[in-house]
């Protein structure tokens, strides 16, 4: 994966935007965009990364991951559950129903996290 600055630069150019136009679209100065793209700003503010992603019309996870603010496990937390690959489609449907039920009970009964 390219570094954060190169990734933004590639996305910006693919969108046909100048640094100034991207800056205007996300509320940042063109000099700030330039600093991020050129690696002067090594770890840009995560809020600015989200604004840039929104202006370039793609999911901010890609930028937040490249910048090190999140990991693959943050994006795909279900992979932390062991053994899911051994379940059938029917088992997965049942598991989803159980999860949905637990969430609905938690929101309606005010059950604290971790309890039933």
PDB file of N, CA and C in Angstrom:
ATOM      1  N   UNK A   1       0.859  -1.183   0.000  1.00  0.00           N
ATOM      2  CA  UNK A   1       0.000   0.000   0.000  1.00  0.00           C
ATOM      3  C   UNK A   1       0.898   1.238   0.000  1.00  0.00           C
ATOM      4  N   UNK A   2       0.572   2.223  -0.834  1.00  0.00           N
ATOM      5  CA  UNK A   2       1.380   3.449  -0.855  1.00  0.00           C
ATOM      6  C   UNK A   2       1.226   4.201   0.466  1.00  0.00           C
ATOM      7  N   UNK A   3       2.182   5.103   0.741  1.00  0.00           N
ATOM      8  CA  UNK A   3       2.056   5.882   1.969  1.00  0.00           C
ATOM      9  C   UNK A   3       0.841   6.797   1.860  1.00  0.00           C
ATOM     10  N   UNK A   4       0.468   7.368   2.981  1.00  0.00           N
ATOM     11  CA  UNK A   4      -0.757   8.171   3.065  1.00  0.00           C
ATOM     12  C   UNK A   4      -0.772   9.320   2.071  1.00  0.00           C
ATOM     13  N   UNK A   5       0.350  10.017   1.941  1.00  0.00           N
ATOM     14  CA  UNK A   5       0.421  11.142   1.010  1.00  0.00           C
ATOM     15  C   UNK A   5       0.257  10.712  -0.431  1.00  0.00           C
ATOM     16  N   UNK A   6       0.928   9.626  -0.797  1.00  0.00           N
ATOM     17  CA  UNK A   6       0.834   9.123  -2.168  1.00  0.00           C
ATOM     18  C   UNK A   6      -0.573   8.620  -2.464  1.00  0.00           C
ATOM     19  N   UNK A   7      -1.190   7.981  -1.491  1.00  0.00           N
ATOM     20  CA  UNK A   7      -2.556   7.489  -1.656  1.00  0.00           C
ATOM     21  C   UNK A   7      -3.516   8.645  -1.931  1.00  0.00           C
ATOM     22  N   UNK A   8      -3.409   9.709  -1.154  1.00  0.00           N
ATOM     23  CA  UNK A   8      -4.271  10.879  -1.353  1.00  0.00           C
ATOM     24  C   UNK A   8      -3.993  11.513  -2.710  1.00  0.00           C
ATOM     25  N   UNK A   9      -2.741  11.643  -3.052  1.00  0.00           N
ATOM     26  CA  UNK A   9      -2.368  12.233  -4.341  1.00  0.00           C
ATOM     27  C   UNK A   9      -2.950  11.421  -5.499  1.00  0.00           C
ATOM     28  N   UNK A  10      -2.832  10.096  -5.422  1.00  0.00           N
ATOM     29  CA  UNK A  10      -3.384   9.231  -6.470  1.00  0.00           C
ATOM     30  C   UNK A  10      -4.897   9.385  -6.583  1.00  0.00           C
ATOM     31  N   UNK A  11      -5.571   9.401  -5.435  1.00  0.00           N
ATOM     32  CA  UNK A  11      -7.037   9.556  -5.429  1.00  0.00           C
ATOM     33  C   UNK A  11      -7.431  10.931  -5.975  1.00  0.00           C
ATOM     34  N   UNK A  12      -6.695  11.950  -5.578  1.00  0.00           N
ATOM     35  CA  UNK A  12      -7.000  13.314  -6.035  1.00  0.00           C
ATOM     36  C   UNK A  12      -6.841  13.422  -7.543  1.00  0.00           C
ATOM     37  N   UNK A  13      -5.734  12.902  -8.058  1.00  0.00           N
ATOM     38  CA  UNK A  13      -5.492  12.972  -9.502  1.00  0.00           C
ATOM     39  C   UNK A  13      -6.522  12.154 -10.272  1.00  0.00           C
ATOM     40  N   UNK A  14      -6.893  10.998  -9.738  1.00  0.00           N
ATOM     41  CA  UNK A  14      -7.919  10.172 -10.383  1.00  0.00           C
ATOM     42  C   UNK A  14      -9.258  10.907 -10.442  1.00  0.00           C
ATOM     43  N   UNK A  15      -9.507  11.755  -9.446  1.00  0.00           N
ATOM     44  CA  UNK A  15     -10.744  12.546  -9.411  1.00  0.00           C
ATOM     45  C   UNK A  15     -10.636  13.804 -10.267  1.00  0.00           C
ATOM     46  N   UNK A  16      -9.440  14.072 -10.801  1.00  0.00           N
ATOM     47  CA  UNK A  16      -9.246  15.244 -11.648  1.00  0.00           C
ATOM     48  C   UNK A  16      -9.235  16.556 -10.887  1.00  0.00           C
ATOM     49  N   UNK A  17      -8.782  16.515  -9.641  1.00  0.00           N
ATOM     50  CA  UNK A  17      -8.777  17.722  -8.811  1.00  0.00           C
ATOM     51  C   UNK A  17      -7.359  18.233  -8.587  1.00  0.00           C
ATOM     52  N   UNK A  18      -7.237  19.540  -8.504  1.00  0.00           N
ATOM     53  CA  UNK A  18      -5.969  20.153  -8.096  1.00  0.00           C
ATOM     54  C   UNK A  18      -5.925  20.134  -6.572  1.00  0.00           C
ATOM     55  N   UNK A  19      -4.773  20.418  -6.011  1.00  0.00           N
ATOM     56  CA  UNK A  19      -4.665  20.509  -4.557  1.00  0.00           C
ATOM     57  C   UNK A  19      -5.572  21.607  -4.022  1.00  0.00           C
ATOM     58  N   UNK A  20      -5.661  22.698  -4.747  1.00  0.00           N
ATOM     59  CA  UNK A  20      -6.513  23.819  -4.332  1.00  0.00           C
ATOM     60  C   UNK A  20      -7.987  23.406  -4.314  1.00  0.00           C
ATOM     61  N   UNK A  21      -8.434  22.709  -5.387  1.00  0.00           N
ATOM     62  CA  UNK A  21      -9.843  22.289  -5.446  1.00  0.00           C
ATOM     63  C   UNK A  21     -10.164  21.271  -4.358  1.00  0.00           C
ATOM     64  N   UNK A  22      -9.242  20.352  -4.103  1.00  0.00           N
ATOM     65  CA  UNK A  22      -9.467  19.389  -3.022  1.00  0.00           C
ATOM     66  C   UNK A  22      -9.524  20.116  -1.683  1.00  0.00           C
ATOM     67  N   UNK A  23      -8.611  21.039  -1.471  1.00  0.00           N
ATOM     68  CA  UNK A  23      -8.618  21.819  -0.237  1.00  0.00           C
ATOM     69  C   UNK A  23      -9.926  22.561  -0.035  1.00  0.00           C
ATOM     70  N   UNK A  24     -10.420  23.188  -1.098  1.00  0.00           N
ATOM     71  CA  UNK A  24     -11.700  23.898  -1.018  1.00  0.00           C
ATOM     72  C   UNK A  24     -12.843  22.939  -0.705  1.00  0.00           C
ATOM     73  N   UNK A  25     -12.801  21.749  -1.295  1.00  0.00           N
ATOM     74  CA  UNK A  25     -13.876  20.775  -1.108  1.00  0.00           C
ATOM     75  C   UNK A  25     -13.922  20.223   0.319  1.00  0.00           C
ATOM     76  N   UNK A  26     -12.771  20.179   0.983  1.00  0.00           N
ATOM     77  CA  UNK A  26     -12.760  19.591   2.326  1.00  0.00           C
ATOM     78  C   UNK A  26     -12.445  20.600   3.432  1.00  0.00           C
ATOM     79  N   UNK A  27     -12.323  21.869   3.074  1.00  0.00           N
ATOM     80  CA  UNK A  27     -12.108  22.897   4.084  1.00  0.00           C
ATOM     81  C   UNK A  27     -10.682  23.001   4.592  1.00  0.00           C
ATOM     82  N   UNK A  28      -9.723  22.547   3.784  1.00  0.00           N
ATOM     83  CA  UNK A  28      -8.311  22.656   4.144  1.00  0.00           C
ATOM     84  C   UNK A  28      -7.605  23.534   3.127  1.00  0.00           C
ATOM     85  N   UNK A  29      -6.484  24.084   3.512  1.00  0.00           N
ATOM     86  CA  UNK A  29      -5.724  24.900   2.560  1.00  0.00           C
ATOM     87  C   UNK A  29      -5.002  23.991   1.571  1.00  0.00           C
ATOM     88  N   UNK A  30      -4.712  24.544   0.395  1.00  0.00           N
ATOM     89  CA  UNK A  30      -3.963  23.761  -0.589  1.00  0.00           C
ATOM     90  C   UNK A  30      -2.563  23.456  -0.070  1.00  0.00           C
ATOM     91  N   UNK A  31      -2.013  24.335   0.771  1.00  0.00           N
ATOM     92  CA  UNK A  31      -0.682  24.066   1.332  1.00  0.00           C
ATOM     93  C   UNK A  31      -0.730  22.880   2.305  1.00  0.00           C
ATOM     94  N   UNK A  32      -1.835  22.729   3.023  1.00  0.00           N
ATOM     95  CA  UNK A  32      -1.987  21.578   3.917  1.00  0.00           C
ATOM     96  C   UNK A  32      -2.084  20.286   3.100  1.00  0.00           C
ATOM     97  N   UNK A  33      -2.843  20.332   2.006  1.00  0.00           N
ATOM     98  CA  UNK A  33      -2.941  19.168   1.112  1.00  0.00           C
ATOM     99  C   UNK A  33      -1.551  18.830   0.579  1.00  0.00           C
ATOM    100  N   UNK A  34      -0.804  19.841   0.166  1.00  0.00           N
ATOM    101  CA  UNK A  34       0.542  19.633  -0.364  1.00  0.00           C
ATOM    102  C   UNK A  34       1.453  18.999   0.699  1.00  0.00           C
ATOM    103  N   UNK A  35       1.379  19.480   1.934  1.00  0.00           N
ATOM    104  CA  UNK A  35       2.203  18.933   3.015  1.00  0.00           C
ATOM    105  C   UNK A  35       1.882  17.456   3.260  1.00  0.00           C
ATOM    106  N   UNK A  36       0.604  17.124   3.221  1.00  0.00           N
ATOM    107  CA  UNK A  36       0.197  15.730   3.430  1.00  0.00           C
ATOM    108  C   UNK A  36       0.697  14.867   2.274  1.00  0.00           C
ATOM    109  N   UNK A  37       0.460  15.325   1.049  1.00  0.00           N
ATOM    110  CA  UNK A  37       0.857  14.545  -0.127  1.00  0.00           C
ATOM    111  C   UNK A  37       2.371  14.358  -0.219  1.00  0.00           C
ATOM    112  N   UNK A  38       3.134  15.367   0.167  1.00  0.00           N
ATOM    113  CA  UNK A  38       4.596  15.303   0.062  1.00  0.00           C
ATOM    114  C   UNK A  38       5.266  14.670   1.276  1.00  0.00           C
ATOM    115  N   UNK A  39       4.469  14.255   2.258  1.00  0.00           N
ATOM    116  CA  UNK A  39       5.030  13.579   3.418  1.00  0.00           C
ATOM    117  C   UNK A  39       5.606  14.493   4.476  1.00  0.00           C
ATOM    118  N   UNK A  40       5.422  15.803   4.305  1.00  0.00           N
ATOM    119  CA  UNK A  40       5.878  16.749   5.329  1.00  0.00           C
ATOM    120  C   UNK A  40       5.040  16.549   6.592  1.00  0.00           C
ATOM    121  N   UNK A  41       3.757  16.350   6.400  1.00  0.00           N
ATOM    122  CA  UNK A  41       2.832  16.053   7.495  1.00  0.00           C
ATOM    123  C   UNK A  41       2.713  14.526   7.531  1.00  0.00           C
ATOM    124  N   UNK A  42       3.548  13.889   8.359  1.00  0.00           N
ATOM    125  CA  UNK A  42       3.655  12.420   8.394  1.00  0.00           C
ATOM    126  C   UNK A  42       2.381  11.730   8.871  1.00  0.00           C
ATOM    127  N   UNK A  43       1.759  12.281   9.895  1.00  0.00           N
ATOM    128  CA  UNK A  43       0.548  11.672  10.444  1.00  0.00           C
ATOM    129  C   UNK A  43      -0.521  12.748  10.569  1.00  0.00           C
ATOM    130  N   UNK A  44      -1.244  12.997   9.468  1.00  0.00           N
ATOM    131  CA  UNK A  44      -2.274  14.046   9.480  1.00  0.00           C
ATOM    132  C   UNK A  44      -3.375  13.744  10.499  1.00  0.00           C
ATOM    133  N   UNK A  45      -4.007  14.780  10.957  1.00  0.00           N
ATOM    134  CA  UNK A  45      -5.144  14.681  11.863  1.00  0.00           C
ATOM    135  C   UNK A  45      -6.192  13.747  11.258  1.00  0.00           C
ATOM    136  N   UNK A  46      -6.735  12.830  12.063  1.00  0.00           N
ATOM    137  CA  UNK A  46      -7.700  11.865  11.534  1.00  0.00           C
ATOM    138  C   UNK A  46      -8.967  12.544  11.032  1.00  0.00           C
ATOM    139  N   UNK A  47      -9.354  13.646  11.652  1.00  0.00           N
ATOM    140  CA  UNK A  47     -10.546  14.363  11.185  1.00  0.00           C
ATOM    141  C   UNK A  47     -10.317  14.927   9.784  1.00  0.00           C
ATOM    142  N   UNK A  48      -9.105  15.440   9.537  1.00  0.00           N
ATOM    143  CA  UNK A  48      -8.786  15.948   8.200  1.00  0.00           C
ATOM    144  C   UNK A  48      -8.781  14.823   7.175  1.00  0.00           C
ATOM    145  N   UNK A  49      -8.289  13.652   7.570  1.00  0.00           N
ATOM    146  CA  UNK A  49      -8.301  12.509   6.653  1.00  0.00           C
ATOM    147  C   UNK A  49      -9.729  12.125   6.280  1.00  0.00           C
ATOM    148  N   UNK A  50     -10.629  12.176   7.249  1.00  0.00           N
ATOM    149  CA  UNK A  50     -12.037  11.867   6.967  1.00  0.00           C
ATOM    150  C   UNK A  50     -12.639  12.900   6.016  1.00  0.00           C
ATOM    151  N   UNK A  51     -12.294  14.171   6.196  1.00  0.00           N
ATOM    152  CA  UNK A  51     -12.781  15.230   5.299  1.00  0.00           C
ATOM    153  C   UNK A  51     -12.250  15.018   3.883  1.00  0.00           C
ATOM    154  N   UNK A  52     -10.973  14.657   3.777  1.00  0.00           N
ATOM    155  CA  UNK A  52     -10.369  14.417   2.461  1.00  0.00           C
ATOM    156  C   UNK A  52     -11.049  13.231   1.786  1.00  0.00           C
ATOM    157  N   UNK A  53     -11.246  12.151   2.533  1.00  0.00           N
ATOM    158  CA  UNK A  53     -11.904  10.967   1.970  1.00  0.00           C
ATOM    159  C   UNK A  53     -13.310  11.310   1.486  1.00  0.00           C
ATOM    160  N   UNK A  54     -14.035  12.082   2.273  1.00  0.00           N
ATOM    161  CA  UNK A  54     -15.393  12.471   1.885  1.00  0.00           C
ATOM    162  C   UNK A  54     -15.360  13.321   0.619  1.00  0.00           C
ATOM    163  N   UNK A  55     -14.430  14.243   0.536  1.00  0.00           N
ATOM    164  CA  UNK A  55     -14.327  15.105  -0.646  1.00  0.00           C
ATOM    165  C   UNK A  55     -13.960  14.300  -1.890  1.00  0.00           C
ATOM    166  N   UNK A  56     -13.178  13.237  -1.705  1.00  0.00           N
ATOM    167  CA  UNK A  56     -12.772  12.398  -2.835  1.00  0.00           C
ATOM    168  C   UNK A  56     -13.733  11.229  -3.061  1.00  0.00           C
ATOM    169  N   UNK A  57     -14.784  11.175  -2.239  1.00  0.00           N
ATOM    170  CA  UNK A  57     -15.866  10.197  -2.368  1.00  0.00           C
ATOM    171  C   UNK A  57     -15.402   8.750  -2.255  1.00  0.00           C
ATOM    172  N   UNK A  58     -14.654   8.471  -1.192  1.00  0.00           N
ATOM    173  CA  UNK A  58     -14.344   7.084  -0.871  1.00  0.00           C
ATOM    174  C   UNK A  58     -14.328   6.927   0.642  1.00  0.00           C
ATOM    175  N   UNK A  59     -14.342   5.684   1.116  1.00  0.00           N
ATOM    176  CA  UNK A  59     -14.469   5.422   2.546  1.00  0.00           C
ATOM    177  C   UNK A  59     -13.209   5.847   3.300  1.00  0.00           C
ATOM    178  N   UNK A  60     -13.377   6.551   4.410  1.00  0.00           N
ATOM    179  CA  UNK A  60     -12.216   7.027   5.169  1.00  0.00           C
ATOM    180  C   UNK A  60     -11.368   5.914   5.775  1.00  0.00           C
ATOM    181  N   UNK A  61     -11.913   4.704   5.921  1.00  0.00           N
ATOM    182  CA  UNK A  61     -11.129   3.603   6.483  1.00  0.00           C
ATOM    183  C   UNK A  61      -9.816   3.418   5.743  1.00  0.00           C
ATOM    184  N   UNK A  62      -9.849   3.594   4.428  1.00  0.00           N
ATOM    185  CA  UNK A  62      -8.640   3.398   3.630  1.00  0.00           C
ATOM    186  C   UNK A  62      -7.526   4.354   4.069  1.00  0.00           C
ATOM    187  N   UNK A  63      -7.869   5.607   4.289  1.00  0.00           N
ATOM    188  CA  UNK A  63      -6.875   6.588   4.743  1.00  0.00           C
ATOM    189  C   UNK A  63      -6.491   6.370   6.202  1.00  0.00           C
ATOM    190  N   UNK A  64      -7.470   6.089   7.038  1.00  0.00           N
ATOM    191  CA  UNK A  64      -7.190   5.886   8.456  1.00  0.00           C
ATOM    192  C   UNK A  64      -6.304   4.657   8.665  1.00  0.00           C
ATOM    193  N   UNK A  65      -6.501   3.639   7.841  1.00  0.00           N
ATOM    194  CA  UNK A  65      -5.666   2.444   7.891  1.00  0.00           C
ATOM    195  C   UNK A  65      -4.240   2.768   7.446  1.00  0.00           C
ATOM    196  N   UNK A  66      -4.120   3.479   6.330  1.00  0.00           N
ATOM    197  CA  UNK A  66      -2.798   3.843   5.804  1.00  0.00           C
ATOM    198  C   UNK A  66      -2.033   4.739   6.779  1.00  0.00           C
ATOM    199  N   UNK A  67      -2.753   5.577   7.520  1.00  0.00           N
ATOM    200  CA  UNK A  67      -2.111   6.490   8.474  1.00  0.00           C
ATOM    201  C   UNK A  67      -1.806   5.820   9.812  1.00  0.00           C
ATOM    202  N   UNK A  68      -2.340   4.620  10.012  1.00  0.00           N
ATOM    203  CA  UNK A  68      -2.074   3.902  11.253  1.00  0.00           C
ATOM    204  C   UNK A  68      -3.039   4.205  12.381  1.00  0.00           C
ATOM    205  N   UNK A  69      -4.125   4.919  12.104  1.00  0.00           N
ATOM    206  CA  UNK A  69      -5.106   5.222  13.143  1.00  0.00           C
ATOM    207  C   UNK A  69      -5.964   4.012  13.485  1.00  0.00           C
ATOM    208  N   UNK A  70      -6.150   3.118  12.517  1.00  0.00           N
ATOM    209  CA  UNK A  70      -6.925   1.905  12.724  1.00  0.00           C
ATOM    210  C   UNK A  70      -6.160   0.734  12.123  1.00  0.00           C
ATOM    211  N   UNK A  71      -6.591  -0.476  12.480  1.00  0.00           N
ATOM    212  CA  UNK A  71      -5.978  -1.685  11.932  1.00  0.00           C
ATOM    213  C   UNK A  71      -7.038  -2.481  11.177  1.00  0.00           C
ATOM    214  N   UNK A  72      -6.603  -3.524  10.498  1.00  0.00           N
ATOM    215  CA  UNK A  72      -7.550  -4.403   9.797  1.00  0.00           C
ATOM    216  C   UNK A  72      -8.564  -4.981  10.776  1.00  0.00           C
ATOM    217  N   UNK A  73      -8.148  -5.288  12.006  1.00  0.00           N
ATOM    218  CA  UNK A  73      -9.069  -5.834  13.004  1.00  0.00           C
ATOM    219  C   UNK A  73     -10.151  -4.841  13.388  1.00  0.00           C
ATOM    220  N   UNK A  74      -9.853  -3.549  13.308  1.00  0.00           N
ATOM    221  CA  UNK A  74     -10.867  -2.530  13.581  1.00  0.00           C
ATOM    222  C   UNK A  74     -11.919  -2.502  12.479  1.00  0.00           C
ATOM    223  N   UNK A  75     -11.490  -2.791  11.262  1.00  0.00           N
ATOM    224  CA  UNK A  75     -12.399  -2.761  10.118  1.00  0.00           C
ATOM    225  C   UNK A  75     -13.218  -4.036  10.043  1.00  0.00           C
ATOM    226  N   UNK A  76     -12.594  -5.161  10.338  1.00  0.00           N
ATOM    227  CA  UNK A  76     -13.248  -6.467  10.235  1.00  0.00           C
ATOM    228  C   UNK A  76     -13.210  -7.180  11.588  1.00  0.00           C
ATOM    229  N   UNK A  77     -13.933  -6.662  12.580  1.00  0.00           N
ATOM    230  CA  UNK A  77     -13.845  -7.259  13.913  1.00  0.00           C
ATOM    231  C   UNK A  77     -14.371  -8.681  13.987  1.00  0.00           C
ATOM    232  N   UNK A  78     -15.247  -9.096  13.068  1.00  0.00           N
ATOM    233  CA  UNK A  78     -15.796 -10.447  13.127  1.00  0.00           C
ATOM    234  C   UNK A  78     -14.711 -11.494  12.953  1.00  0.00           C
ATOM    235  N   UNK A  79     -13.583 -11.124  12.358  1.00  0.00           N
ATOM    236  CA  UNK A  79     -12.496 -12.082  12.194  1.00  0.00           C
ATOM    237  C   UNK A  79     -11.870 -12.439  13.532  1.00  0.00           C
ATOM    238  N   UNK A  80     -12.186 -11.691  14.574  1.00  0.00           N
ATOM    239  CA  UNK A  80     -11.656 -12.002  15.893  1.00  0.00           C
ATOM    240  C   UNK A  80     -12.401 -13.165  16.535  1.00  0.00           C
ATOM    241  N   UNK A  81     -13.576 -13.487  16.036  1.00  0.00           N
ATOM    242  CA  UNK A  81     -14.323 -14.628  16.544  1.00  0.00           C
ATOM    243  C   UNK A  81     -13.744 -15.886  15.917  1.00  0.00           C
ATOM    244  N   UNK A  82     -13.315 -16.810  16.761  1.00  0.00           N
ATOM    245  CA  UNK A  82     -12.697 -18.028  16.246  1.00  0.00           C
ATOM    246  C   UNK A  82     -13.756 -19.038  15.827  1.00  0.00           C
ATOM    247  N   UNK A  83     -13.514 -19.738  14.735  1.00  0.00           N
ATOM    248  CA  UNK A  83     -14.357 -20.843  14.308  1.00  0.00           C
ATOM    249  C   UNK A  83     -15.499 -20.492  13.380  1.00  0.00           C
ATOM    250  N   UNK A  84     -15.674 -19.224  13.033  1.00  0.00           N
ATOM    251  CA  UNK A  84     -16.785 -18.847  12.157  1.00  0.00           C
ATOM    252  C   UNK A  84     -16.728 -19.554  10.813  1.00  0.00           C
ATOM    253  N   UNK A  85     -15.519 -19.809  10.341  1.00  0.00           N
ATOM    254  CA  UNK A  85     -15.372 -20.447   9.031  1.00  0.00           C
ATOM    255  C   UNK A  85     -15.900 -21.882   9.037  1.00  0.00           C
ATOM    256  N   UNK A  86     -16.091 -22.466  10.221  1.00  0.00           N
ATOM    257  CA  UNK A  86     -16.589 -23.842  10.323  1.00  0.00           C
ATOM    258  C   UNK A  86     -18.112 -23.909  10.356  1.00  0.00           C
ATOM    259  N   UNK A  87     -18.766 -22.756  10.473  1.00  0.00           N
ATOM    260  CA  UNK A  87     -20.226 -22.726  10.554  1.00  0.00           C
ATOM    261  C   UNK A  87     -20.856 -22.761   9.169  1.00  0.00           C
ATOM    262  N   UNK A  88     -22.016 -23.406   9.103  1.00  0.00           N
ATOM    263  CA  UNK A  88     -22.773 -23.438   7.847  1.00  0.00           C
ATOM    264  C   UNK A  88     -23.503 -22.108   7.666  1.00  0.00           C
ATOM    265  N   UNK A  89     -24.065 -21.905   6.482  1.00  0.00           N
ATOM    266  CA  UNK A  89     -24.848 -20.692   6.235  1.00  0.00           C
ATOM    267  C   UNK A  89     -26.027 -20.613   7.197  1.00  0.00           C
ATOM    268  N   UNK A  90     -26.653 -21.739   7.465  1.00  0.00           N
ATOM    269  CA  UNK A  90     -27.793 -21.781   8.388  1.00  0.00           C
ATOM    270  C   UNK A  90     -27.330 -21.394   9.803  1.00  0.00           C
ATOM    271  N   UNK A  91     -26.177 -21.921  10.214  1.00  0.00           N
ATOM    272  CA  UNK A  91     -25.625 -21.563  11.526  1.00  0.00           C
ATOM    273  C   UNK A  91     -25.340 -20.067  11.608  1.00  0.00           C
ATOM    274  N   UNK A  92     -24.811 -19.504  10.536  1.00  0.00           N
ATOM    275  CA  UNK A  92     -24.501 -18.069  10.512  1.00  0.00           C
ATOM    276  C   UNK A  92     -25.779 -17.241  10.610  1.00  0.00           C
ATOM    277  N   UNK A  93     -26.855 -17.691   9.951  1.00  0.00           N
ATOM    278  CA  UNK A  93     -28.142 -16.993  10.045  1.00  0.00           C
ATOM    279  C   UNK A  93     -28.643 -17.024  11.490  1.00  0.00           C
ATOM    280  N   UNK A  94     -28.538 -18.192  12.125  1.00  0.00           N
ATOM    281  CA  UNK A  94     -28.961 -18.325  13.515  1.00  0.00           C
ATOM    282  C   UNK A  94     -28.128 -17.423  14.423  1.00  0.00           C
ATOM    283  N   UNK A  95     -26.830 -17.423  14.203  1.00  0.00           N
ATOM    284  CA  UNK A  95     -25.939 -16.578  14.995  1.00  0.00           C
ATOM    285  C   UNK A  95     -26.303 -15.103  14.839  1.00  0.00           C
ATOM    286  N   UNK A  96     -26.614 -14.679  13.611  1.00  0.00           N
ATOM    287  CA  UNK A  96     -26.999 -13.285  13.379  1.00  0.00           C
ATOM    288  C   UNK A  96     -28.299 -12.952  14.098  1.00  0.00           C
ATOM    289  N   UNK A  97     -29.258 -13.886  14.082  1.00  0.00           N
ATOM    290  CA  UNK A  97     -30.510 -13.675  14.815  1.00  0.00           C
ATOM    291  C   UNK A  97     -30.241 -13.528  16.317  1.00  0.00           C
ATOM    292  N   UNK A  98     -29.359 -14.360  16.829  1.00  0.00           N
ATOM    293  CA  UNK A  98     -29.007 -14.288  18.242  1.00  0.00           C
ATOM    294  C   UNK A  98     -28.351 -12.946  18.575  1.00  0.00           C
ATOM    295  N   UNK A  99     -27.451 -12.505  17.740  1.00  0.00           N
ATOM    296  CA  UNK A  99     -26.791 -11.207  17.938  1.00  0.00           C
ATOM    297  C   UNK A  99     -27.814 -10.082  17.889  1.00  0.00           C
ATOM    298  N   UNK A 100     -28.695 -10.118  16.888  1.00  0.00           N
ATOM    299  CA  UNK A 100     -29.737  -9.088  16.768  1.00  0.00           C
ATOM    300  C   UNK A 100     -30.628  -9.065  18.009  1.00  0.00           C
ATOM    301  N   UNK A 101     -30.987 -10.266  18.499  1.00  0.00           N
ATOM    302  CA  UNK A 101     -31.816 -10.361  19.699  1.00  0.00           C
ATOM    303  C   UNK A 101     -31.102  -9.754  20.906  1.00  0.00           C
ATOM    304  N   UNK A 102     -29.828 -10.093  21.077  1.00  0.00           N
ATOM    305  CA  UNK A 102     -29.068  -9.570  22.212  1.00  0.00           C
ATOM    306  C   UNK A 102     -28.944  -8.051  22.145  1.00  0.00           C
ATOM    307  N   UNK A 103     -28.738  -7.527  20.956  1.00  0.00           N
ATOM    308  CA  UNK A 103     -28.646  -6.073  20.788  1.00  0.00           C
ATOM    309  C   UNK A 103     -29.973  -5.413  21.109  1.00  0.00           C
ATOM    310  N   UNK A 104     -31.076  -6.001  20.636  1.00  0.00           N
ATOM    311  CA  UNK A 104     -32.388  -5.399  20.898  1.00  0.00           C
ATOM    312  C   UNK A 104     -32.717  -5.448  22.387  1.00  0.00           C
ATOM    313  N   UNK A 105     -32.374  -6.533  23.060  1.00  0.00           N
ATOM    314  CA  UNK A 105     -32.599  -6.624  24.512  1.00  0.00           C
ATOM    315  C   UNK A 105     -31.778  -5.592  25.258  1.00  0.00           C
ATOM    316  N   UNK A 106     -30.558  -5.416  24.809  1.00  0.00           N
ATOM    317  CA  UNK A 106     -29.659  -4.473  25.472  1.00  0.00           C
ATOM    318  C   UNK A 106     -30.209  -3.052  25.354  1.00  0.00           C
ATOM    319  N   UNK A 107     -30.717  -2.719  24.179  1.00  0.00           N
ATOM    320  CA  UNK A 107     -31.209  -1.356  23.972  1.00  0.00           C
ATOM    321  C   UNK A 107     -32.554  -1.122  24.655  1.00  0.00           C
ATOM    322  N   UNK A 108     -33.383  -2.159  24.783  1.00  0.00           N
ATOM    323  CA  UNK A 108     -34.693  -1.954  25.399  1.00  0.00           C
ATOM    324  C   UNK A 108     -34.682  -2.171  26.901  1.00  0.00           C
ATOM    325  N   UNK A 109     -33.809  -3.058  27.385  1.00  0.00           N
ATOM    326  CA  UNK A 109     -33.777  -3.354  28.816  1.00  0.00           C
ATOM    327  C   UNK A 109     -32.703  -2.592  29.569  1.00  0.00           C
ATOM    328  N   UNK A 110     -31.840  -1.908  28.842  1.00  0.00           N
ATOM    329  CA  UNK A 110     -30.762  -1.179  29.496  1.00  0.00           C
ATOM    330  C   UNK A 110     -29.748  -2.090  30.166  1.00  0.00           C
ATOM    331  N   UNK A 111     -29.561  -3.265  29.587  1.00  0.00           N
ATOM    332  CA  UNK A 111     -28.607  -4.224  30.147  1.00  0.00           C
ATOM    333  C   UNK A 111     -27.200  -3.693  29.942  1.00  0.00           C
ATOM    334  N   UNK A 112     -26.391  -3.784  30.962  1.00  0.00           N
ATOM    335  CA  UNK A 112     -25.012  -3.306  30.836  1.00  0.00           C
ATOM    336  C   UNK A 112     -24.210  -4.241  29.949  1.00  0.00           C
ATOM    337  N   UNK A 113     -23.166  -3.702  29.362  1.00  0.00           N
ATOM    338  CA  UNK A 113     -22.328  -4.457  28.446  1.00  0.00           C
ATOM    339  C   UNK A 113     -21.753  -5.680  29.145  1.00  0.00           C
ATOM    340  N   UNK A 114     -21.885  -6.822  28.470  1.00  0.00           N
ATOM    341  CA  UNK A 114     -21.346  -8.059  29.005  1.00  0.00           C
ATOM    342  C   UNK A 114     -22.361  -8.870  29.795  1.00  0.00           C
ATOM    343  N   UNK A 115     -23.501  -8.324  30.121  1.00  0.00           N
ATOM    344  CA  UNK A 115     -24.476  -9.057  30.910  1.00  0.00           C
ATOM    345  C   UNK A 115     -25.684  -9.477  30.112  1.00  0.00           C
ATOM    346  N   UNK A 116     -26.416 -10.450  30.657  1.00  0.00           N
ATOM    347  CA  UNK A 116     -27.676 -10.892  30.039  1.00  0.00           C
ATOM    348  C   UNK A 116     -28.831 -10.576  30.941  1.00  0.00           C
TER     349      UNK A 116
END
